[in-house]
């Protein structure tokens, strides 16, 4: 998040302008500066450097989280959001692995029993966005006049960027970086798309996700107002887009599909001009439907927590090559490797590997899972695919460790074309030493599953796939960050 110094700079010429809108409440830049300053004062007066070296939070997006993030960023203290929707047992294991000194929690997300389980994992647990939050605010405000003095001789710790992987298939991993890449990446995007303080940014994916935090940070640094909406509140989403000058957002494919369904044929007028989409498979059917409703405002990205944002498809490419996730842009390289980790020619399928200035340095356990080609470090992605001669990347399946040769994403596309299919997900797993394909799907009108399953199985057999299991579900299990939950999927 941006620091107090940056907040002061923006507030000096945009003091009464809107900084945030959260649950219909408007906060000016001066108000957010004041709240963030009181949080810094609270932390400095209550804890010394040894008592507070890192922090985590469990919360949906809200103004208070942003003020806490600004405070931690100002003090150079790594802070990580965790997926609040994970089972508490998983969260307690994860928190013990990270071992933060402080845990910030939205108490209204958990039962008393769950809060007790979380409490034992850390020495300090504070409330976010609850009745106790104003107490922290008032305590901080009493020391706010001393903030400059408190920071005057403050020794900032060395930069240590901490990011968590999604954790939808395994316990989240901790990726570490020892240099910030923000300035270079943000500069490229600002210059290419002409972003400024006349833009409005819709924050709909969680701040705990790297994309939510980083893009909110970029737009705030430009003085752009941020509009926070709950992705589960359909009315709030549409109302925010209709009533405000929202020009930009970052979404996952399932959020784009939801938004398309919400406003299709509604005759609403929007100001959207740039929606960055990624985090999971963005189907061609959903791309076409979204562009039919909103126009050519979608930009697809590909990357991961360990590598950053590395591949980009702009509207013109998305229209002409909708099956592609785009091409590597400034400072990124993509190669396709065979099973012997040798690069292959254009058109040949293999495992995707990425080199980038945004690449992590290591995992928290010291593991550096890189493959070096001509002195350049590449990270092996979880996807398989190929490049065309112009460098466009086409993906075919996830879970590359199974070494599957089938184009599962194309099969997903075929299944989506079955008239009554609402959503579908296909994965490959190893069962009893063999590759097995699992498919779950939902239907639009509760149609009977048996006839649909026969149609789906015919699709697989057309590709000579025999070891398959298919099941109708009421809803595909997505995390708030847009990933299909692997464990739930397999359990179904």
Protein backbone atom coordinates (compact mmCIF):
# COMPACT_ATOMS: atom_id res chain seq x y z
CA UNK A 1 0.00 0.00 0.00
CA UNK A 2 1.11 3.64 -0.33
CA UNK A 3 2.95 5.34 2.56
CA UNK A 4 2.04 8.31 4.74
CA UNK A 5 4.42 10.51 2.74
CA UNK A 6 2.55 9.68 -0.48
CA UNK A 7 -0.81 10.20 1.23
CA UNK A 8 0.38 13.60 2.49
CA UNK A 9 1.55 14.56 -0.99
CA UNK A 10 -1.81 13.69 -2.59
CA UNK A 11 -3.83 15.22 0.26
CA UNK A 12 -1.88 18.48 -0.12
CA UNK A 13 -3.62 19.17 -3.44
CA UNK A 14 -6.64 16.79 -3.32
CA UNK A 15 -7.51 17.16 0.38
CA UNK A 16 -11.32 17.14 0.04
CA UNK A 17 -11.47 14.89 -3.04
CA UNK A 18 -12.70 11.32 -2.74
CA UNK A 19 -10.04 8.78 -1.84
CA UNK A 20 -12.25 5.79 -0.98
CA UNK A 21 -15.90 4.82 -1.09
CA UNK A 22 -16.69 1.86 1.14
CA UNK A 23 -20.23 0.63 1.87
CA UNK A 24 -21.59 3.90 0.53
CA UNK A 25 -19.39 5.99 2.85
CA UNK A 26 -17.13 8.54 1.19
CA UNK A 27 -13.66 9.15 2.64
CA UNK A 28 -11.54 12.09 1.51
CA UNK A 29 -7.78 11.94 1.11
CA UNK A 30 -7.42 13.99 4.29
CA UNK A 31 -9.60 11.56 6.24
CA UNK A 32 -7.66 8.51 5.06
CA UNK A 33 -4.39 10.31 5.82
CA UNK A 34 -5.63 11.08 9.33
CA UNK A 35 -6.73 7.50 9.99
CA UNK A 36 -3.55 5.98 8.57
CA UNK A 37 -1.45 8.41 10.63
CA UNK A 38 -3.24 7.38 13.83
CA UNK A 39 -2.57 3.72 12.98
CA UNK A 40 1.14 4.48 12.57
CA UNK A 41 1.16 6.34 15.90
CA UNK A 42 -0.63 3.44 17.60
CA UNK A 43 1.87 0.88 16.29
CA UNK A 44 4.90 3.00 17.21
CA UNK A 45 3.70 3.72 20.76
CA UNK A 46 2.50 0.20 21.54
CA UNK A 47 5.25 -1.96 19.96
CA UNK A 48 8.99 -1.82 19.43
CA UNK A 49 10.86 -3.20 16.43
CA UNK A 50 11.40 -6.61 17.99
CA UNK A 51 7.75 -6.98 18.95
CA UNK A 52 6.43 -6.23 15.46
CA UNK A 53 8.47 -7.59 12.58
CA UNK A 54 5.56 -8.90 10.47
CA UNK A 55 1.77 -9.04 10.43
CA UNK A 56 -1.13 -10.84 8.74
CA UNK A 57 -4.80 -9.99 8.30
CA UNK A 58 -8.08 -11.83 7.72
CA UNK A 59 -10.68 -9.48 6.34
CA UNK A 60 -12.78 -8.54 3.38
CA UNK A 61 -11.86 -5.28 1.67
CA UNK A 62 -12.67 -2.19 3.71
CA UNK A 63 -11.32 1.28 4.48
CA UNK A 64 -9.82 0.18 7.78
CA UNK A 65 -7.71 -2.53 6.09
CA UNK A 66 -6.32 0.05 3.68
CA UNK A 67 -5.35 2.35 6.57
CA UNK A 68 -3.62 -0.53 8.36
CA UNK A 69 -1.77 -1.48 5.16
CA UNK A 70 -0.63 2.13 4.72
CA UNK A 71 0.65 2.13 8.32
CA UNK A 72 2.62 -1.10 7.93
CA UNK A 73 4.03 0.03 4.58
CA UNK A 74 5.13 3.33 6.14
CA UNK A 75 7.03 1.41 8.82
CA UNK A 76 8.49 -1.09 6.34
CA UNK A 77 6.81 -4.02 8.12
CA UNK A 78 5.78 -6.91 5.84
CA UNK A 79 2.05 -7.60 6.07
CA UNK A 80 0.11 -10.34 4.31
CA UNK A 81 -3.56 -10.90 3.75
CA UNK A 82 -4.79 -14.46 4.02
CA UNK A 83 -7.76 -16.05 2.28
CA UNK A 84 -10.42 -15.53 4.94
CA UNK A 85 -12.67 -18.15 3.32
CA UNK A 86 -10.27 -21.04 4.02
CA UNK A 87 -11.21 -23.43 6.83
CA UNK A 88 -9.98 -22.11 10.19
CA UNK A 89 -7.95 -25.30 10.70
CA UNK A 90 -6.06 -24.52 7.47
CA UNK A 91 -5.62 -20.91 8.50
CA UNK A 92 -4.16 -21.81 11.89
CA UNK A 93 -1.60 -24.09 10.22
CA UNK A 94 -0.72 -21.36 7.73
CA UNK A 95 -0.41 -18.67 10.41
CA UNK A 96 1.87 -20.89 12.49
CA UNK A 97 4.07 -21.40 9.41
CA UNK A 98 4.26 -17.65 8.72
CA UNK A 99 4.62 -16.82 12.43
CA UNK A 100 3.51 -13.15 12.32
CA UNK A 101 3.76 -10.98 15.42
CA UNK A 102 0.29 -9.52 14.87
CA UNK A 103 -2.94 -10.83 13.36
CA UNK A 104 -5.67 -8.40 12.32
CA UNK A 105 -9.10 -10.02 12.04
CA UNK A 106 -12.60 -9.02 11.00
CA UNK A 107 -14.37 -10.61 13.93
CA UNK A 108 -17.70 -10.73 12.09
CA UNK A 109 -16.30 -13.38 9.71
CA UNK A 110 -15.81 -15.99 12.43
CA UNK A 111 -17.58 -17.65 15.34
CA UNK A 112 -16.32 -17.25 18.91
CA UNK A 113 -14.89 -20.77 18.78
CA UNK A 114 -13.03 -20.00 15.54
CA UNK A 115 -11.67 -16.74 16.98
CA UNK A 116 -10.31 -18.67 19.96
CA UNK A 117 -8.49 -21.04 17.60
CA UNK A 118 -6.98 -18.07 15.73
CA UNK A 119 -6.04 -16.29 18.97
CA UNK A 120 -3.65 -19.03 20.09
CA UNK A 121 -1.57 -18.74 16.89
CA UNK A 122 -0.18 -15.24 17.62
CA UNK A 123 0.87 -13.05 20.53
CA UNK A 124 -1.36 -10.15 19.42
CA UNK A 125 -4.74 -10.28 17.67
CA UNK A 126 -6.59 -7.04 16.91
CA UNK A 127 -10.02 -6.40 15.42
CA UNK A 128 -10.65 -4.81 12.03
CA UNK A 129 -13.89 -3.10 11.08
CA UNK A 130 -15.70 -3.92 14.35
CA UNK A 131 -16.79 -2.09 17.48
CA UNK A 132 -13.27 -2.33 18.92
CA UNK A 133 -11.65 -0.61 15.89
CA UNK A 134 -12.52 2.95 17.09
CA UNK A 135 -10.62 2.23 20.33
CA UNK A 136 -7.44 1.65 18.32
CA UNK A 137 -8.25 4.78 16.32
CA UNK A 138 -8.64 6.95 19.40
CA UNK A 139 -5.49 5.57 21.03
CA UNK A 140 -3.55 6.36 17.86
CA UNK A 141 -5.07 9.81 17.48
CA UNK A 142 -3.89 10.79 20.97
CA UNK A 143 -0.30 10.29 19.75
CA UNK A 144 -0.78 11.55 16.16
CA UNK A 145 0.88 14.95 16.84
CA UNK A 146 4.04 13.03 17.79
CA UNK A 147 4.12 10.95 14.58
CA UNK A 148 6.83 12.95 12.81
CA UNK A 149 8.99 12.75 15.92
CA UNK A 150 8.28 9.03 16.28
CA UNK A 151 9.47 8.42 12.71
CA UNK A 152 12.38 10.88 12.79
CA UNK A 153 14.96 8.37 14.05
CA UNK A 154 13.10 5.25 12.93
CA UNK A 155 15.42 2.65 11.43
CA UNK A 156 13.57 1.09 8.52
CA UNK A 157 14.16 -2.63 8.01
CA UNK A 158 15.56 -3.78 4.65
CA UNK A 159 12.92 -4.30 1.96
CA UNK A 160 11.35 -7.74 2.17
CA UNK A 161 8.37 -8.37 -0.08
CA UNK A 162 6.25 -11.26 1.16
CA UNK A 163 3.56 -12.77 -1.09
CA UNK A 164 1.40 -15.84 -0.62
CA UNK A 165 0.35 -18.20 -3.37
CA UNK A 166 -3.36 -18.90 -3.72
CA UNK A 167 -3.42 -22.12 -1.71
CA UNK A 168 -6.31 -23.61 -3.70
CA UNK A 169 -4.47 -26.90 -4.33
CA UNK A 170 -1.97 -26.98 -1.43
CA UNK A 171 -1.20 -24.91 1.64
CA UNK A 172 -0.14 -21.44 0.38
CA UNK A 173 3.58 -20.99 -0.17
CA UNK A 174 5.44 -17.85 0.92
CA UNK A 175 7.31 -16.13 -1.93
CA UNK A 176 10.03 -13.65 -0.94
CA UNK A 177 11.49 -10.70 -2.85
CA UNK A 178 14.31 -8.48 -1.67
CA UNK A 179 13.81 -5.67 -4.18
CA UNK A 180 10.61 -3.88 -5.19
CA UNK A 181 9.58 -3.92 -8.86
CA UNK A 182 6.63 -1.54 -8.45
CA UNK A 183 8.22 1.54 -10.02
CA UNK A 184 9.16 -0.18 -13.27
CA UNK A 185 5.89 -2.07 -13.74
CA UNK A 186 3.59 0.79 -12.75
CA UNK A 187 5.49 3.21 -14.97
CA UNK A 188 5.00 0.93 -17.99
CA UNK A 189 1.26 0.55 -17.41
CA UNK A 190 0.72 4.26 -16.66
CA UNK A 191 2.48 5.36 -19.81
CA UNK A 192 0.88 2.75 -22.07
CA UNK A 193 -2.72 3.30 -20.92
CA UNK A 194 -2.62 6.93 -19.83
CA UNK A 195 -3.85 6.41 -16.26
CA UNK A 196 -4.25 9.45 -14.01
CA UNK A 197 -6.28 10.91 -11.15
CA UNK A 198 -9.32 11.29 -13.41
CA UNK A 199 -9.65 7.49 -13.44
CA UNK A 200 -11.74 5.62 -10.87
CA UNK A 201 -10.72 2.11 -9.80
CA UNK A 202 -13.21 -0.60 -8.79
CA UNK A 203 -11.61 -2.82 -6.13
CA UNK A 204 -13.60 -6.05 -6.30
CA UNK A 205 -11.00 -8.80 -5.85
CA UNK A 206 -9.58 -9.24 -2.33
CA UNK A 207 -6.70 -7.13 -1.08
CA UNK A 208 -5.12 -10.35 0.19
CA UNK A 209 -4.58 -11.30 -3.46
CA UNK A 210 -1.42 -9.81 -5.00
CA UNK A 211 -3.42 -8.36 -7.90
CA UNK A 212 -5.95 -6.65 -5.63
CA UNK A 213 -3.29 -5.05 -3.46
CA UNK A 214 -0.87 -4.02 -6.21
CA UNK A 215 -3.38 -2.43 -8.59
CA UNK A 216 -5.18 -0.60 -5.79
CA UNK A 217 -1.75 0.68 -4.75
CA UNK A 218 -0.99 1.92 -8.26
CA UNK A 219 -4.25 3.80 -8.70
CA UNK A 220 -4.07 5.31 -5.22
CA UNK A 221 -0.54 6.53 -5.96
CA UNK A 222 -2.01 8.42 -8.94
CA UNK A 223 -4.61 10.12 -6.74
CA UNK A 224 -7.43 8.05 -8.30
CA UNK A 225 -10.49 7.32 -6.13
CA UNK A 226 -10.95 3.66 -5.12
CA UNK A 227 -14.43 2.11 -4.98
CA UNK A 228 -14.69 -0.93 -2.70
CA UNK A 229 -17.49 -3.41 -3.42
CA UNK A 230 -18.35 -6.83 -2.04
CA UNK A 231 -18.12 -9.31 -4.91
CA UNK A 232 -21.06 -11.25 -3.43
CA UNK A 233 -23.36 -8.19 -3.42
CA UNK A 234 -24.78 -7.99 -6.96
CA UNK A 235 -26.78 -4.81 -6.37
CA UNK A 236 -23.78 -3.02 -4.90
CA UNK A 237 -21.61 -3.92 -7.90
CA UNK A 238 -24.07 -2.62 -10.51
CA UNK A 239 -24.95 0.48 -8.48
CA UNK A 240 -21.28 1.38 -8.05
CA UNK A 241 -20.66 1.12 -11.80
CA UNK A 242 -23.75 3.13 -12.73
CA UNK A 243 -23.38 5.94 -10.22
CA UNK A 244 -19.61 6.54 -10.33
CA UNK A 245 -16.93 7.42 -12.84
CA UNK A 246 -15.32 3.98 -12.62
CA UNK A 247 -12.98 3.52 -15.56
CA UNK A 248 -10.75 0.64 -14.50
CA UNK A 249 -10.78 -2.60 -12.56
CA UNK A 250 -8.98 -5.92 -12.16
CA UNK A 251 -11.17 -9.02 -12.17
CA UNK A 252 -11.05 -12.78 -12.34
CA UNK A 253 -12.83 -14.57 -15.21
CA UNK A 254 -15.71 -15.74 -13.01
CA UNK A 255 -16.26 -12.14 -11.83
CA UNK A 256 -16.34 -10.96 -15.46
CA UNK A 257 -18.92 -13.66 -16.21
CA UNK A 258 -20.99 -12.55 -13.20
CA UNK A 259 -20.78 -8.89 -14.25
CA UNK A 260 -21.76 -9.78 -17.82
CA UNK A 261 -24.81 -11.70 -16.60
CA UNK A 262 -25.80 -8.86 -14.25
CA UNK A 263 -25.84 -6.12 -16.86
CA UNK A 264 -26.59 -7.99 -20.09
CA UNK A 265 -29.54 -6.30 -21.87
CA UNK A 266 -29.86 -3.84 -18.98
CA UNK A 267 -29.20 -0.80 -21.16
CA UNK A 268 -26.86 0.66 -18.54
CA UNK A 269 -24.17 3.19 -19.42
CA UNK A 270 -20.71 2.66 -17.95
CA UNK A 271 -17.39 4.52 -18.06
CA UNK A 272 -15.21 1.40 -18.07
CA UNK A 273 -12.25 1.54 -20.45
CA UNK A 274 -9.72 -0.90 -18.94
CA UNK A 275 -10.50 -4.20 -17.20
CA UNK A 276 -7.52 -6.45 -16.51
CA UNK A 277 -8.56 -10.10 -16.29
CA UNK A 278 -6.56 -13.09 -15.06
CA UNK A 279 -5.88 -15.53 -12.27
CA UNK A 280 -7.55 -18.50 -13.95
CA UNK A 281 -8.73 -19.77 -17.34
CA UNK A 282 -10.69 -17.09 -19.23
CA UNK A 283 -12.82 -19.01 -21.70
CA UNK A 284 -13.41 -17.81 -25.25
CA UNK A 285 -17.17 -18.02 -24.72
CA UNK A 286 -16.95 -15.72 -21.70
CA UNK A 287 -14.61 -13.32 -23.55
CA UNK A 288 -17.03 -12.96 -26.44
CA UNK A 289 -20.03 -12.49 -24.14
CA UNK A 290 -18.20 -9.84 -22.09
CA UNK A 291 -17.00 -7.91 -25.14
CA UNK A 292 -20.51 -7.97 -26.60
CA UNK A 293 -21.80 -6.24 -23.46
CA UNK A 294 -18.94 -3.89 -22.55
CA UNK A 295 -16.99 -3.52 -25.78
CA UNK A 296 -13.22 -3.93 -26.30
CA UNK A 297 -12.17 -2.91 -22.79
CA UNK A 298 -10.70 -6.23 -21.63
CA UNK A 299 -6.99 -6.95 -21.19
CA UNK A 300 -6.04 -10.50 -20.25
CA UNK A 301 -2.92 -11.18 -18.22
CA UNK A 302 -1.02 -14.32 -17.35
CA UNK A 303 1.46 -14.85 -14.54
CA UNK A 304 1.55 -16.08 -10.96
CA UNK A 305 2.51 -14.96 -7.47
CA UNK A 306 6.10 -16.10 -8.00
CA UNK A 307 6.58 -14.34 -11.37
CA UNK A 308 4.26 -11.28 -11.34
CA UNK A 309 2.29 -10.16 -14.40
CA UNK A 310 4.22 -11.38 -17.44
CA UNK A 311 1.99 -11.91 -20.48
CA UNK A 312 -0.66 -9.53 -21.79
CA UNK A 313 -3.39 -9.72 -24.41
CA UNK A 314 -4.83 -6.37 -25.47
CA UNK A 315 -8.29 -5.98 -27.05
CA UNK A 316 -7.13 -6.20 -30.67
CA UNK A 317 -5.22 -9.43 -30.00
CA UNK A 318 -8.06 -10.79 -27.86
CA UNK A 319 -10.51 -10.29 -30.73
CA UNK A 320 -8.22 -11.87 -33.34
CA UNK A 321 -6.72 -14.61 -31.15
CA UNK A 322 -9.20 -15.24 -28.31
CA UNK A 323 -7.64 -18.62 -27.43
CA UNK A 324 -4.35 -16.91 -26.54
CA UNK A 325 -3.47 -15.27 -23.19
CA UNK A 326 -1.23 -12.79 -25.03
CA UNK A 327 2.47 -12.04 -25.45
CA UNK A 328 5.28 -11.29 -23.01
CA UNK A 329 5.70 -7.54 -22.51
CA UNK A 330 8.56 -5.32 -21.34
CA UNK A 331 11.01 -7.21 -19.10
CA UNK A 332 9.45 -10.67 -19.47
CA UNK A 333 10.44 -13.79 -21.39
CA UNK A 334 8.43 -16.96 -22.01
CA UNK A 335 9.80 -20.30 -23.20
CA UNK A 336 8.21 -23.73 -23.61
CA UNK A 337 10.18 -26.68 -22.24
CA UNK A 338 9.96 -30.39 -22.99
CA UNK A 339 10.15 -33.11 -20.34
CA UNK A 340 13.95 -32.83 -20.40
CA UNK A 341 13.73 -29.06 -19.72
CA UNK A 342 14.94 -28.19 -23.22
CA UNK A 343 13.23 -25.30 -25.03
CA UNK A 344 11.08 -26.27 -28.00
CA UNK A 345 10.11 -24.49 -31.22
CA UNK A 346 6.95 -22.49 -31.88
CA UNK A 347 3.86 -24.67 -32.13
CA UNK A 348 5.23 -27.48 -29.93
CA UNK A 349 3.45 -28.10 -26.64
CA UNK A 350 5.34 -28.29 -23.37
CA UNK A 351 5.65 -26.73 -19.96
CA UNK A 352 5.52 -22.95 -19.67
CA UNK A 353 8.53 -21.23 -18.05
CA UNK A 354 8.88 -17.51 -17.34
CA UNK A 355 11.81 -15.16 -16.69
CA UNK A 356 11.10 -11.65 -15.41
CA UNK A 357 12.42 -8.73 -13.38
CA UNK A 358 9.39 -9.42 -11.17
CA UNK A 359 10.55 -12.97 -10.34
CA UNK A 360 10.65 -13.88 -6.66
CA UNK A 361 14.04 -14.55 -5.05
CA UNK A 362 13.07 -17.65 -3.09
CA UNK A 363 10.40 -19.36 -1.03
CA UNK A 364 10.45 -18.83 2.72
CA UNK A 365 11.90 -22.32 3.22
CA UNK A 366 14.91 -21.33 1.11
CA UNK A 367 13.82 -23.30 -1.94
CA UNK A 368 14.73 -21.62 -5.26
CA UNK A 369 12.87 -23.70 -7.88
CA UNK A 370 14.36 -22.08 -10.98
CA UNK A 371 15.62 -23.51 -14.25
CA UNK A 372 18.59 -21.62 -15.72
CA UNK A 373 18.84 -21.18 -19.51
CA UNK A 374 21.82 -19.21 -20.88
CA UNK A 375 22.37 -17.67 -17.46
CA UNK A 376 18.73 -16.53 -17.11
CA UNK A 377 16.50 -17.81 -14.28
CA UNK A 378 13.13 -19.22 -15.36
CA UNK A 379 10.29 -20.27 -13.09
CA UNK A 380 8.39 -23.40 -14.11
CA UNK A 381 4.69 -22.60 -14.27
CA UNK A 382 1.92 -25.06 -13.47
CA UNK A 383 0.61 -24.84 -17.04
CA UNK A 384 1.30 -26.54 -20.34
CA UNK A 385 0.91 -24.87 -23.72
CA UNK A 386 2.73 -23.53 -26.78
CA UNK A 387 3.89 -20.31 -28.42
CA UNK A 388 3.07 -19.26 -31.96
CA UNK A 389 5.66 -17.62 -34.24
CA UNK A 390 4.66 -14.13 -33.05
CA UNK A 391 5.20 -15.13 -29.41
CA UNK A 392 1.55 -15.52 -28.43
CA UNK A 393 1.04 -18.01 -25.62
CA UNK A 394 -1.71 -20.63 -25.88
CA UNK A 395 -2.45 -22.69 -22.77
CA UNK A 396 -3.81 -26.23 -22.85
CA UNK A 397 -3.97 -27.47 -19.25
CA UNK A 398 -3.01 -26.85 -15.65
CA UNK A 399 -1.21 -29.21 -13.24
CA UNK A 400 1.77 -29.72 -15.55
CA UNK A 401 3.25 -32.27 -13.14
CA UNK A 402 0.92 -34.89 -14.61
CA UNK A 403 2.64 -34.39 -18.00
CA UNK A 404 -0.76 -34.57 -19.65
CA UNK A 405 -0.83 -34.21 -23.43
CA UNK A 406 -4.53 -33.35 -23.80
CA UNK A 407 -5.76 -29.83 -24.47
CA UNK A 408 -8.16 -29.70 -21.52
CA UNK A 409 -9.01 -26.02 -22.02
CA UNK A 410 -10.26 -26.75 -25.55
CA UNK A 411 -12.36 -29.59 -24.17
CA UNK A 412 -13.75 -27.18 -21.55
CA UNK A 413 -14.70 -24.82 -24.39
CA UNK A 414 -16.55 -27.63 -26.20
CA UNK A 415 -18.45 -28.52 -23.03
CA UNK A 416 -19.46 -24.87 -22.50
CA UNK A 417 -21.15 -24.98 -25.91
CA UNK A 418 -23.63 -27.58 -24.65
CA UNK A 419 -26.82 -25.55 -24.43
CA UNK A 420 -27.75 -25.99 -20.77
CA UNK A 421 -24.21 -25.79 -19.29
CA UNK A 422 -23.75 -22.83 -16.94
CA UNK A 423 -20.14 -23.41 -15.84
CA UNK A 424 -17.56 -26.18 -16.06
CA UNK A 425 -14.11 -27.03 -14.71
CA UNK A 426 -11.78 -29.83 -15.78
CA UNK A 427 -8.57 -30.96 -14.07
CA UNK A 428 -6.06 -33.77 -14.36
CA UNK A 429 -4.79 -35.76 -11.37
CA UNK A 430 -2.70 -38.87 -10.77
CA UNK A 431 -4.72 -41.78 -9.36
CA UNK A 432 -3.18 -45.20 -8.81
CA UNK A 433 -0.19 -44.18 -10.91
CA UNK A 434 -2.32 -43.15 -13.90
CA UNK A 435 -3.63 -39.84 -15.24
CA UNK A 436 -7.30 -39.31 -14.44
CA UNK A 437 -9.51 -36.48 -15.71
CA UNK A 438 -12.17 -35.02 -13.45
CA UNK A 439 -14.97 -32.76 -14.67
CA UNK A 440 -17.61 -30.91 -12.68
CA UNK A 441 -20.32 -28.75 -14.21
CA UNK A 442 -23.36 -26.71 -13.26
CA UNK A 443 -26.51 -26.19 -15.33
CA UNK A 444 -28.71 -23.18 -15.97
CA UNK A 445 -32.09 -24.58 -15.11
CA UNK A 446 -31.39 -27.59 -12.94
CA UNK A 447 -31.49 -29.83 -16.02
CA UNK A 448 -31.18 -33.55 -15.42
CA UNK A 449 -27.55 -34.57 -15.26
CA UNK A 450 -27.58 -37.98 -16.90
CA UNK A 451 -28.16 -36.88 -20.48
CA UNK A 452 -25.65 -34.05 -20.11
CA UNK A 453 -23.01 -36.37 -18.67
CA UNK A 454 -23.36 -38.60 -21.76
CA UNK A 455 -22.79 -35.57 -24.00
CA UNK A 456 -19.75 -34.52 -21.95
CA UNK A 457 -18.28 -38.02 -22.02
CA UNK A 458 -18.66 -38.11 -25.80
CA UNK A 459 -16.54 -34.94 -25.90
CA UNK A 460 -13.78 -36.64 -23.94
CA UNK A 461 -13.94 -39.81 -26.01
CA UNK A 462 -13.59 -37.71 -29.16
CA UNK A 463 -10.15 -36.79 -27.80
CA UNK A 464 -9.44 -40.45 -26.91
CA UNK A 465 -9.68 -39.79 -23.17
CA UNK A 466 -11.09 -42.75 -21.26
CA UNK A 467 -10.22 -42.39 -17.56
CA UNK A 468 -12.76 -39.69 -16.68
CA UNK A 469 -15.14 -38.89 -13.85
CA UNK A 470 -17.95 -36.38 -14.37
CA UNK A 471 -20.45 -34.91 -11.94
CA UNK A 472 -23.09 -32.19 -11.87
CA UNK A 473 -22.75 -29.75 -8.96
CA UNK A 474 -24.91 -26.84 -7.86
CA UNK A 475 -21.96 -24.44 -8.01
CA UNK A 476 -18.30 -24.56 -9.01
CA UNK A 477 -16.22 -23.97 -5.84
CA UNK A 478 -14.29 -20.72 -6.43
CA UNK A 479 -12.15 -18.90 -3.89
CA UNK A 480 -12.66 -15.11 -3.51
CA UNK A 481 -9.54 -14.70 -5.67
CA UNK A 482 -11.20 -16.58 -8.54
CA UNK A 483 -9.39 -19.92 -8.38
CA UNK A 484 -11.23 -23.24 -8.45
CA UNK A 485 -10.62 -24.89 -5.09
CA UNK A 486 -8.71 -28.04 -6.02
CA UNK A 487 -9.37 -29.96 -2.79
CA UNK A 488 -13.13 -29.28 -2.87
CA UNK A 489 -13.17 -30.14 -6.57
CA UNK A 490 -11.54 -33.54 -6.00
CA UNK A 491 -13.79 -34.16 -2.99
CA UNK A 492 -16.85 -33.69 -5.15
